[in-house]
Protein backbone atom coordinates (compact mmCIF):
# COMPACT_ATOMS: atom_id res chain seq x y z
CA MET A 1 2.40 4.45 29.52
CA ALA A 2 3.34 5.38 25.98
CA ILE A 3 0.18 4.71 23.71
CA GLU A 4 1.08 2.82 20.39
CA LEU A 5 -0.57 4.24 16.93
CA LYS A 6 -0.86 1.57 14.58
CA MET A 7 -1.51 1.63 10.78
CA PRO A 8 -5.37 1.53 10.47
CA ALA A 9 -7.42 -0.52 8.40
CA LEU A 10 -9.10 2.52 6.47
CA SER A 11 -11.36 0.09 4.22
CA PRO A 12 -12.68 -3.34 4.35
CA THR A 13 -10.31 -4.71 2.13
CA MET A 14 -7.04 -2.56 3.15
CA GLU A 15 -4.45 -5.14 3.90
CA GLU A 16 -1.30 -2.68 3.65
CA GLY A 17 -0.95 1.08 3.06
CA THR A 18 1.82 3.85 2.17
CA LEU A 19 2.22 6.50 4.34
CA ALA A 20 2.54 9.33 2.37
CA LYS A 21 3.04 12.35 4.50
CA TRP A 22 3.07 12.96 8.45
CA LEU A 23 1.24 16.24 9.44
CA VAL A 24 2.90 16.58 12.81
CA LYS A 25 6.31 16.10 14.20
CA VAL A 26 7.94 14.82 17.11
CA GLY A 27 6.94 16.91 20.66
CA ASP A 28 3.89 18.34 19.08
CA THR A 29 0.87 17.85 21.36
CA ILE A 30 -1.94 15.64 20.04
CA GLY A 31 -5.58 15.84 20.65
CA SER A 32 -8.25 13.56 19.91
CA GLY A 33 -9.43 14.26 16.39
CA ASP A 34 -6.49 15.67 15.28
CA ILE A 35 -5.56 14.78 11.64
CA MET A 36 -1.57 13.12 12.11
CA ALA A 37 -0.61 11.65 8.91
CA GLU A 38 -2.13 10.96 5.47
CA ILE A 39 -2.24 7.43 4.31
CA GLU A 40 -2.33 6.26 0.57
CA THR A 41 -4.61 3.25 0.56
CA ASP A 42 -5.45 1.07 -2.85
CA LYS A 43 -8.43 3.61 -3.50
CA ALA A 44 -7.34 7.24 -1.98
CA THR A 45 -5.20 8.97 0.16
CA MET A 46 -7.36 9.27 3.51
CA GLU A 47 -6.36 10.83 6.66
CA PHE A 48 -5.40 9.48 9.83
CA GLU A 49 -7.10 10.75 12.69
CA ALA A 50 -5.75 10.78 16.43
CA VAL A 51 -8.17 8.98 19.02
CA ASP A 52 -5.95 9.52 21.76
CA GLU A 53 -4.23 12.38 23.57
CA GLY A 54 -0.62 13.05 24.58
CA VAL A 55 2.77 14.08 22.99
CA LEU A 56 4.03 12.58 19.92
CA ALA A 57 7.13 10.83 21.14
CA LYS A 58 8.51 8.50 18.40
CA ILE A 59 7.67 8.05 14.46
CA LEU A 60 8.61 4.60 13.65
CA VAL A 61 7.35 4.94 10.18
CA GLU A 62 8.67 7.36 7.90
CA GLU A 63 6.51 9.24 5.40
CA GLY A 64 6.52 7.82 1.74
CA THR A 65 7.05 4.26 3.05
CA GLU A 66 5.19 1.74 1.14
CA ASN A 67 3.63 -1.73 1.81
CA VAL A 68 2.79 -0.96 5.56
CA ALA A 69 1.02 -3.84 6.88
CA VAL A 70 -2.14 -2.77 8.72
CA GLY A 71 -1.48 -3.24 12.60
CA THR A 72 2.06 -2.21 12.44
CA VAL A 73 2.90 0.25 15.08
CA ILE A 74 3.85 3.57 13.15
CA ALA A 75 4.52 5.91 16.02
CA MET A 76 4.46 6.10 19.83
CA LEU A 77 2.36 8.45 22.02
CA ALA A 78 3.37 9.69 25.35
CA GLU A 79 0.84 10.24 27.85
CA GLU A 80 0.02 13.37 30.19
CA GLY A 81 3.07 13.18 32.73
CA GLU A 82 5.04 11.19 30.72
CA ASP A 83 8.78 12.17 29.58
CA VAL A 84 8.99 11.71 25.97
CA ASP A 85 12.55 10.78 26.12
CA ASP A 86 11.47 7.76 28.47
CA VAL A 87 9.55 6.39 25.39
CA ASP A 88 10.59 3.26 23.95
CA ALA A 89 9.91 1.88 20.61
CA PRO A 90 7.57 -1.26 21.16
CA SER A 91 9.79 -4.47 22.62
CA GLY A 92 8.96 -6.58 19.67
CA ASP A 93 10.71 -4.30 17.12
CA GLU A 94 13.93 -4.18 19.32
CA THR A 95 14.79 -7.69 18.68
CA ALA A 96 13.47 -10.86 17.30
CA ALA A 97 16.02 -13.12 18.81
CA PRO A 98 15.29 -12.86 22.70
CA GLU A 99 11.96 -14.58 23.08
CA PRO A 100 13.45 -18.05 21.49
CA GLU A 101 16.73 -17.59 23.33
CA LYS A 102 14.86 -17.20 27.00
CA LYS A 103 12.76 -20.78 25.94
CA SER A 104 16.11 -22.55 25.31
CA GLU A 105 18.15 -21.23 27.61
CA PRO A 106 17.43 -22.13 31.67
CA THR A 107 18.12 -19.50 34.07
CA PRO A 108 21.55 -20.05 35.46
CA GLU A 109 22.27 -21.58 38.71
CA PRO A 110 23.91 -20.34 41.66
CA THR A 111 25.91 -23.60 41.84
CA PRO A 112 29.75 -23.19 41.24
CA SER A 113 29.79 -27.07 40.14
CA PRO A 114 28.59 -26.99 36.33
CA ALA A 115 26.34 -30.04 35.18
CA PRO A 116 28.04 -32.71 33.48
CA ALA A 117 28.16 -32.36 29.48
CA LYS A 118 25.75 -34.98 27.82
CA ASP A 119 28.76 -36.14 25.68
CA GLY A 120 30.63 -37.32 28.83
CA ALA A 121 32.91 -34.55 29.24
CA LYS A 122 35.39 -34.45 31.78
CA SER A 123 34.40 -32.78 35.21
CA ASP A 124 37.55 -30.01 34.35
CA ALA A 125 35.53 -29.01 31.37
CA PRO A 126 34.79 -24.99 31.08
CA LYS A 127 31.69 -24.38 33.09
CA ALA A 128 29.41 -22.94 30.37
CA SER A 129 25.45 -22.49 29.96
CA PRO A 130 23.33 -25.09 27.78
CA LEU A 131 22.76 -22.29 25.19
CA ALA A 132 26.68 -21.26 25.23
CA ARG A 133 27.57 -24.85 24.34
CA ARG A 134 25.27 -24.77 21.53
CA ILE A 135 26.71 -21.83 20.19
CA ALA A 136 30.09 -22.53 20.67
CA GLY A 137 29.23 -26.14 19.16
CA ARG A 138 27.95 -24.64 15.71
CA GLU A 139 30.37 -21.86 15.70
CA GLY A 140 33.36 -24.46 16.22
CA ILE A 141 34.74 -22.75 19.33
CA ASP A 142 36.98 -24.30 22.00
CA LEU A 143 35.34 -23.23 24.92
CA SER A 144 38.53 -23.65 26.70
CA ASN A 145 39.60 -20.03 25.29
CA VAL A 146 36.70 -18.37 26.22
CA GLU A 147 36.76 -16.33 29.19
CA GLY A 148 33.70 -16.49 31.45
CA SER A 149 31.76 -13.12 32.44
CA GLY A 150 28.98 -15.09 34.07
CA PRO A 151 28.93 -16.07 37.79
CA ASN A 152 32.36 -17.83 39.30
CA GLY A 153 33.40 -17.48 35.71
CA ARG A 154 30.79 -19.02 33.86
CA ILE A 155 30.52 -18.99 30.05
CA VAL A 156 27.35 -17.50 29.06
CA LYS A 157 26.10 -16.77 25.58
CA ALA A 158 27.51 -13.24 25.49
CA ASP A 159 30.70 -14.61 25.65
CA VAL A 160 30.47 -17.08 23.14
CA GLU A 161 28.97 -14.37 20.74
CA ALA A 162 32.05 -11.98 21.63
CA ALA A 163 34.52 -14.74 20.48
CA SER A 164 32.63 -15.89 17.48
CA GLY A 165 31.89 -12.36 16.18
CA VAL A 166 28.18 -12.85 16.36
CA GLY A 167 27.64 -9.73 18.67
CA GLY A 168 29.37 -7.72 15.75
CA SER A 169 32.71 -7.03 17.70
CA VAL A 170 34.73 -9.15 15.42
CA ALA A 171 36.28 -6.75 12.26
CA LYS A 172 35.15 -8.79 8.88
CA ALA A 173 37.11 -10.21 5.96
CA ARG A 174 37.61 -8.85 2.59
CA SER A 175 35.03 -11.51 1.14
CA GLY A 176 32.37 -10.40 4.23
CA ASP A 177 32.48 -13.91 5.67
CA ARG A 178 32.55 -13.43 9.70
CA ILE A 179 35.69 -14.20 11.20
CA ILE A 180 36.30 -16.47 14.15
CA ALA A 181 38.94 -15.82 16.60
CA SER A 182 40.05 -16.89 20.14
CA PRO A 183 40.01 -13.40 22.64
CA LEU A 184 43.72 -13.56 22.92
CA ALA A 185 44.51 -13.52 19.15
CA ARG A 186 42.30 -10.71 18.87
CA LYS A 187 44.15 -8.74 21.46
CA LEU A 188 47.61 -9.58 20.12
CA ALA A 189 46.38 -8.90 16.49
CA GLU A 190 44.72 -5.34 17.60
CA GLU A 191 48.21 -4.63 19.86
CA ALA A 192 50.53 -5.57 16.60
CA GLY A 193 47.83 -3.36 14.22
CA TYR A 194 46.98 -6.33 12.31
CA GLU A 195 43.56 -6.88 10.24
CA LEU A 196 42.26 -10.04 11.37
CA GLY A 197 40.96 -10.60 7.96
CA ASP A 198 44.62 -10.67 6.61
CA ILE A 199 45.59 -13.67 8.91
CA GLU A 200 44.40 -17.28 8.02
CA GLY A 201 43.31 -19.29 11.06
CA SER A 202 44.57 -22.73 11.82
CA GLY A 203 42.00 -23.57 14.46
CA PRO A 204 38.60 -25.36 14.27
CA GLY A 205 36.30 -24.13 11.23
CA GLY A 206 39.39 -21.87 10.69
CA ARG A 207 39.47 -20.08 13.91
CA ILE A 208 42.12 -17.83 14.14
CA ILE A 209 44.61 -18.45 17.47
CA LYS A 210 47.58 -17.03 19.07
CA ALA A 211 50.11 -19.33 16.86
CA ASP A 212 48.51 -17.82 13.54
CA VAL A 213 49.08 -14.36 15.13
CA ASP A 214 52.69 -14.96 16.02
CA ALA A 215 53.00 -16.65 12.42
CA PHE A 216 51.66 -13.92 10.64
CA ASP A 217 54.23 -11.93 8.29
CA PRO A 218 52.38 -8.30 7.29
CA SER A 219 54.62 -8.21 3.97
CA LYS A 220 53.24 -11.31 2.66
CA ALA A 221 49.69 -10.12 3.36
CA THR A 222 50.24 -6.52 1.66
CA ALA A 223 52.04 -8.14 -1.38
CA SER A 224 49.00 -10.40 -1.85
CA LYS A 225 46.59 -7.45 -1.53
CA GLU A 226 48.13 -5.78 -4.44
CA ASP A 227 48.23 -8.71 -6.30
CA SER A 228 44.43 -9.49 -5.92
CA LYS A 229 43.49 -5.48 -7.03
CA PRO A 230 42.26 -5.24 -10.16
CA GLN A 231 44.33 -3.34 -12.31
CA GLU A 232 42.21 -0.20 -13.80
CA SER A 233 42.83 -0.86 -17.52
CA ASP A 234 42.08 -4.49 -17.06
CA ALA A 235 38.58 -3.94 -15.36
CA PRO A 236 35.58 -2.82 -17.91
CA ALA A 237 33.95 -0.46 -16.76
CA LYS A 238 30.77 -1.35 -15.05
CA GLU A 239 27.83 -0.50 -16.72
CA GLU A 240 24.61 0.47 -15.06
CA LYS A 241 21.64 -1.94 -14.57
CA PRO A 242 18.80 -0.65 -17.03
CA LYS A 243 15.76 0.29 -14.64
CA SER A 244 13.80 -2.17 -16.63
CA ASP A 245 13.72 -4.43 -19.36
CA ILE A 246 11.59 -2.20 -21.52
CA PRO A 247 13.15 -0.80 -24.50
CA ASP A 248 13.87 2.99 -24.96
CA PHE A 249 14.54 3.28 -28.54
CA GLY A 250 16.99 5.84 -27.58
CA ILE A 251 14.11 8.23 -26.47
CA PRO A 252 14.64 10.34 -23.31
CA PHE A 253 12.12 9.57 -21.02
CA GLU A 254 11.53 9.89 -17.03
CA GLU A 255 10.11 6.74 -14.98
CA GLU A 256 7.30 7.50 -12.71
CA LYS A 257 6.59 5.12 -9.65
CA LEU A 258 3.08 3.80 -9.98
CA SER A 259 0.76 5.01 -6.89
CA ASN A 260 -1.16 2.43 -4.92
CA VAL A 261 -4.39 3.83 -6.74
CA ARG A 262 -3.27 3.45 -10.47
CA LYS A 263 -2.33 0.24 -9.74
CA VAL A 264 -5.74 -0.65 -8.24
CA ILE A 265 -6.95 0.91 -11.38
CA ALA A 266 -4.84 -1.30 -13.83
CA LYS A 267 -5.40 -4.08 -12.20
CA ARG A 268 -9.19 -3.88 -11.92
CA LEU A 269 -9.65 -2.62 -15.79
CA THR A 270 -7.73 -5.37 -16.98
CA GLU A 271 -9.62 -7.84 -15.29
CA SER A 272 -12.67 -6.39 -16.56
CA LYS A 273 -11.36 -6.37 -20.04
CA GLN A 274 -10.24 -10.18 -19.69
CA THR A 275 -13.27 -11.90 -17.77
CA VAL A 276 -15.98 -9.40 -18.41
CA PRO A 277 -18.04 -10.44 -22.10
CA HIS A 278 -18.79 -6.69 -22.96
CA TYR A 279 -21.40 -5.64 -25.35
CA TYR A 280 -22.09 -2.27 -26.59
CA LEU A 281 -25.43 -0.27 -27.37
CA THR A 282 -25.37 3.25 -28.31
CA ILE A 283 -28.07 5.64 -28.89
CA ASP A 284 -29.11 9.12 -29.92
CA ILE A 285 -31.20 11.34 -27.49
CA LEU A 286 -32.91 14.61 -28.17
CA LEU A 287 -31.54 16.67 -25.38
CA ASP A 288 -32.99 19.96 -26.11
CA PRO A 289 -36.32 18.96 -23.48
CA LEU A 290 -33.92 18.20 -20.70
CA LEU A 291 -31.77 21.44 -21.22
CA SER A 292 -35.11 23.34 -21.33
CA LEU A 293 -36.10 21.99 -17.83
CA ARG A 294 -32.62 22.30 -16.30
CA LYS A 295 -33.26 26.09 -16.97
CA GLN A 296 -36.43 26.23 -15.49
CA LEU A 297 -35.12 24.45 -12.77
CA ASN A 298 -32.09 26.60 -12.03
CA GLU A 299 -34.03 29.97 -12.13
CA SER A 300 -36.42 28.60 -9.22
CA LEU A 301 -33.46 27.35 -7.64
CA GLU A 302 -31.30 30.04 -7.15
CA PRO A 303 -32.49 31.27 -3.91
CA ASP A 304 -31.33 28.34 -2.52
CA GLY A 305 -27.94 28.43 -3.85
CA VAL A 306 -28.74 24.88 -5.70
CA LYS A 307 -27.65 24.84 -9.45
CA LEU A 308 -28.23 21.95 -11.32
CA SER A 309 -26.01 20.33 -13.81
CA VAL A 310 -26.51 18.17 -16.97
CA ASN A 311 -24.84 15.83 -14.97
CA ASP A 312 -26.91 15.71 -11.88
CA LEU A 313 -29.90 15.28 -14.17
CA LEU A 314 -28.52 12.29 -16.04
CA ILE A 315 -27.77 10.27 -12.69
CA LYS A 316 -31.19 10.94 -11.98
CA ALA A 317 -32.11 9.40 -15.24
CA LEU A 318 -30.13 6.29 -15.11
CA ALA A 319 -31.13 5.32 -11.62
CA ARG A 320 -34.95 5.51 -12.61
CA ALA A 321 -33.95 3.27 -15.83
CA LEU A 322 -32.65 1.11 -13.48
CA MET A 323 -35.81 0.63 -11.73
CA ARG A 324 -38.01 0.69 -14.85
CA VAL A 325 -35.86 -2.53 -16.35
CA PRO A 326 -34.70 -4.04 -12.92
CA GLN A 327 -33.24 -6.60 -14.95
CA CYS A 328 -30.41 -4.53 -15.55
CA ASN A 329 -29.87 -3.49 -11.78
CA VAL A 330 -28.18 -6.52 -11.44
CA SER A 331 -24.55 -8.14 -10.98
CA TYR A 332 -23.00 -11.50 -11.66
CA HIS A 333 -21.58 -13.71 -8.95
CA GLY A 334 -20.38 -16.89 -10.63
CA ASP A 335 -23.39 -19.05 -9.50
CA VAL A 336 -25.43 -16.37 -8.48
CA MET A 337 -27.16 -13.10 -9.55
CA ARG A 338 -27.78 -10.14 -7.55
CA LYS A 339 -31.21 -8.16 -8.21
CA TYR A 340 -30.87 -4.86 -6.53
CA SER A 341 -34.26 -3.16 -5.39
CA ARG A 342 -32.78 0.41 -5.08
CA ALA A 343 -30.27 2.38 -7.60
CA ASP A 344 -26.89 3.36 -6.40
CA ILE A 345 -24.99 5.16 -9.36
CA SER A 346 -21.19 5.30 -9.43
CA VAL A 347 -20.03 8.64 -10.77
CA ALA A 348 -16.57 8.56 -12.32
CA VAL A 349 -14.55 11.58 -11.09
CA ALA A 350 -11.04 12.46 -12.69
CA ALA A 351 -8.67 12.93 -9.45
CA PRO A 352 -4.92 13.67 -9.35
CA SER A 353 -4.24 10.00 -8.21
CA GLY A 354 -6.53 8.97 -10.91
CA LEU A 355 -9.96 7.53 -11.68
CA ILE A 356 -12.29 7.02 -8.42
CA THR A 357 -16.15 6.35 -8.89
CA PRO A 358 -17.95 8.14 -5.41
CA VAL A 359 -21.17 6.63 -5.11
CA ILE A 360 -24.88 8.68 -4.98
CA THR A 361 -27.08 5.93 -3.07
CA GLU A 362 -30.55 5.35 -3.57
CA ALA A 363 -30.26 7.87 -6.22
CA ASP A 364 -33.76 6.72 -7.73
CA THR A 365 -35.88 8.06 -4.58
CA LYS A 366 -33.47 11.35 -4.36
CA GLY A 367 -34.53 14.81 -5.09
CA LEU A 368 -32.41 16.35 -8.12
CA SER A 369 -31.28 18.97 -5.39
CA GLN A 370 -29.90 16.58 -2.98
CA ILE A 371 -28.08 14.66 -5.83
CA SER A 372 -26.72 18.17 -7.14
CA LYS A 373 -25.63 19.03 -3.49
CA GLU A 374 -23.57 15.23 -2.88
CA MET A 375 -22.36 15.24 -6.04
CA LYS A 376 -20.43 18.47 -5.19
CA GLU A 377 -19.22 17.56 -1.89
CA LEU A 378 -18.16 13.96 -3.20
CA ALA A 379 -16.38 15.44 -6.55
CA GLY A 380 -14.51 17.86 -4.21
CA LYS A 381 -13.49 14.97 -1.86
CA ALA A 382 -12.53 12.93 -4.53
CA ARG A 383 -10.21 15.46 -6.00
CA ASP A 384 -8.54 16.29 -2.62
CA GLY A 385 -8.02 12.54 -1.75
CA LYS A 386 -10.02 12.88 1.12
CA LEU A 387 -13.24 10.26 0.12
CA GLN A 388 -14.01 7.64 2.98
CA PRO A 389 -14.63 4.12 2.09
CA HIS A 390 -18.38 4.19 2.40
CA GLU A 391 -18.61 6.99 -0.15
CA TYR A 392 -16.86 5.13 -3.02
CA GLN A 393 -17.26 1.63 -2.10
CA GLY A 394 -20.48 -0.07 -3.69
CA GLY A 395 -22.68 1.08 -6.55
CA THR A 396 -25.26 -1.05 -8.75
CA ALA A 397 -24.02 0.64 -12.07
CA SER A 398 -21.71 3.46 -13.18
CA LEU A 399 -22.15 6.87 -15.04
CA SER A 400 -19.09 8.32 -17.06
CA ASN A 401 -19.31 11.53 -18.59
CA LEU A 402 -16.64 13.05 -20.82
CA GLY A 403 -19.01 15.69 -22.56
CA MET A 404 -17.50 18.49 -20.91
CA PHE A 405 -14.04 17.89 -22.84
CA GLY A 406 -16.19 17.82 -26.00
CA ILE A 407 -15.96 14.21 -26.48
CA LYS A 408 -18.77 12.86 -28.96
CA GLN A 409 -19.13 9.15 -28.06
CA PHE A 410 -17.13 6.41 -26.43
CA ASP A 411 -17.58 2.99 -24.68
CA ALA A 412 -16.58 2.86 -21.05
CA VAL A 413 -15.09 -0.19 -19.43
CA ILE A 414 -17.59 -1.71 -16.87
CA ASN A 415 -16.54 -1.38 -13.14
CA PRO A 416 -16.76 -4.94 -11.82
CA PRO A 417 -18.88 -6.39 -10.03
CA GLN A 418 -21.38 -4.01 -11.48
CA GLY A 419 -23.54 -5.47 -14.69
CA MET A 420 -23.21 -1.74 -16.69
CA ILE A 421 -21.74 1.54 -17.22
CA LEU A 422 -23.36 4.20 -19.32
CA ALA A 423 -21.11 6.59 -21.08
CA VAL A 424 -22.11 9.96 -22.37
CA GLY A 425 -20.71 12.44 -24.61
CA SER A 426 -21.49 16.25 -25.22
CA GLY A 427 -24.36 17.36 -26.61
CA GLN A 428 -23.96 17.74 -30.43
CA GLN A 429 -26.13 20.33 -32.50
CA GLN A 430 -26.96 18.53 -35.77
CA PRO A 431 -30.42 18.33 -37.93
CA TYR A 432 -32.64 15.57 -36.08
CA VAL A 433 -36.01 14.80 -37.29
CA ILE A 434 -38.76 15.92 -34.93
CA ASP A 435 -42.32 15.29 -35.65
CA GLY A 436 -41.70 14.28 -39.09
CA GLU A 437 -39.48 17.28 -39.94
CA VAL A 438 -35.92 17.91 -40.15
CA GLN A 439 -34.98 20.71 -37.74
CA PRO A 440 -31.33 21.92 -35.62
CA ALA A 441 -31.43 19.79 -32.42
CA THR A 442 -28.95 19.26 -29.41
CA VAL A 443 -28.38 15.52 -29.79
CA LEU A 444 -26.66 13.46 -26.96
CA HIS A 445 -24.91 10.04 -28.17
CA ALA A 446 -25.04 7.92 -24.96
CA SER A 447 -23.26 4.15 -24.91
CA GLY A 448 -24.16 1.71 -22.67
CA SER A 449 -21.73 -1.17 -22.05
CA PHE A 450 -23.30 -4.38 -20.34
CA ASP A 451 -22.07 -7.48 -19.04
CA HIS A 452 -23.23 -10.16 -21.26
CA ARG A 453 -23.32 -12.86 -18.12
CA ALA A 454 -25.54 -10.92 -16.51
CA ILE A 455 -27.78 -8.65 -19.10
CA ASP A 456 -29.03 -9.93 -22.07
CA GLY A 457 -29.12 -7.66 -25.10
CA ALA A 458 -32.97 -7.34 -25.30
CA ASP A 459 -32.72 -6.25 -22.12
CA GLY A 460 -29.76 -3.71 -22.24
CA ALA A 461 -31.69 -2.26 -25.44
CA GLN A 462 -34.64 -1.85 -23.00
CA LEU A 463 -32.73 -0.04 -20.18
CA MET A 464 -31.23 2.32 -23.20
CA GLU A 465 -34.75 3.22 -24.62
CA ALA A 466 -35.93 4.10 -20.78
CA ILE A 467 -32.89 6.23 -20.63
CA LYS A 468 -33.94 7.96 -23.98
CA GLN A 469 -37.60 8.30 -23.01
CA LEU A 470 -36.70 10.09 -19.47
CA ILE A 471 -34.20 12.41 -20.82
CA GLU A 472 -36.49 13.37 -23.87
CA ASN A 473 -39.44 13.66 -21.24
CA PRO A 474 -37.79 14.62 -18.30
CA MET A 475 -40.93 15.80 -15.93
CA GLY A 476 -40.38 12.05 -14.91
CA LEU A 477 -37.46 13.16 -13.14
CA VAL A 478 -38.76 15.82 -10.42
CA VAL A 479 -42.16 13.90 -9.89
């Protein structure tokens, strides 16, 4: 029996996604663990891994399809020994009508005598199923003009559909409305080469009958067509509808559709600035002691293939500072405040699809080499769009570092529901007072953004001071 492959829920909050790309094609042999497709969620582009084995028989959702609901059947897998050509799409996708019809139409009885009509119809009334009678009444069809194909000439649903055009066998009028015609009228019109859309019906509900076909004058219909056809000189050229209501001011441009990731970034950051009362604290930090320690550690860790970055040490410094000032390791949730007992640091990474924040869990207790290793792996996955939900969800505070771009100082937007984010720029060479004397030094400008609902100004200031102390006395990061 064929196996249905459904759109997976790749994160706890995922309700729909975009089937970005198929990595297999119909006829390919699929094994458990094979990567079949790339699916774009509201956070990242992730791989869809097969859990069953078989041959890919059908692809039901083409790549590039957006807003595919979780649980939707996207492909069919033929099991061992099953012919791929015999695999059909799920019955629920074939038609939406069969189930209700089965409920309303009783099984035809073998007796040739039709049940008497509720409205007191004569005994010589056409034999028809209840469903056929209901459709005929709705469409204004005279059952006496319908030829039955059921047992003993009984009129069934298909006969009425054929007569009314429900089944799609009747031509369409120029206006796009369904044409209702008797089988005999259709046959005569076809033999004469007439278009049913040109014939005006005089039967019930505008139904075309034999008399209408006999009285039809094709020359008048042709003249009517020419009269109703708009002249090119009179018809104004139809202008293309603009893609959006945004004025372009005559400037050449191209519009690029937003990815799911970019839509979520826009939504969350807008909500953050509109709903979270930010305040900002900036502090200058002497960076030279940290740079000196980093150099010593890298020399000692070189045989192990470990190379610490400044960012690795800043992650550790923020985590340790949060444990020293626990009133800042919190998040606001309406009537309650969550106070966290460990520091999980979300680190902003620029990926092709947009900003994403992989999380270094338990950064307050992990060693620097472990933080460095995890950060390199997570950053690589983020840039490739391969992060798993547990690798980017959560976090008790965030770190955003733009120092590698030469940025001196900036204020970051809080990532709700977190209570703060630390923004750091590049170390700048400048005069700095050390032990009462002005000396050249490398100075780091760090700015903290705080949620004032959760963290008071004095508490935020204590956290910034703790960060400064840890960076200027970095031995606290290795013990």
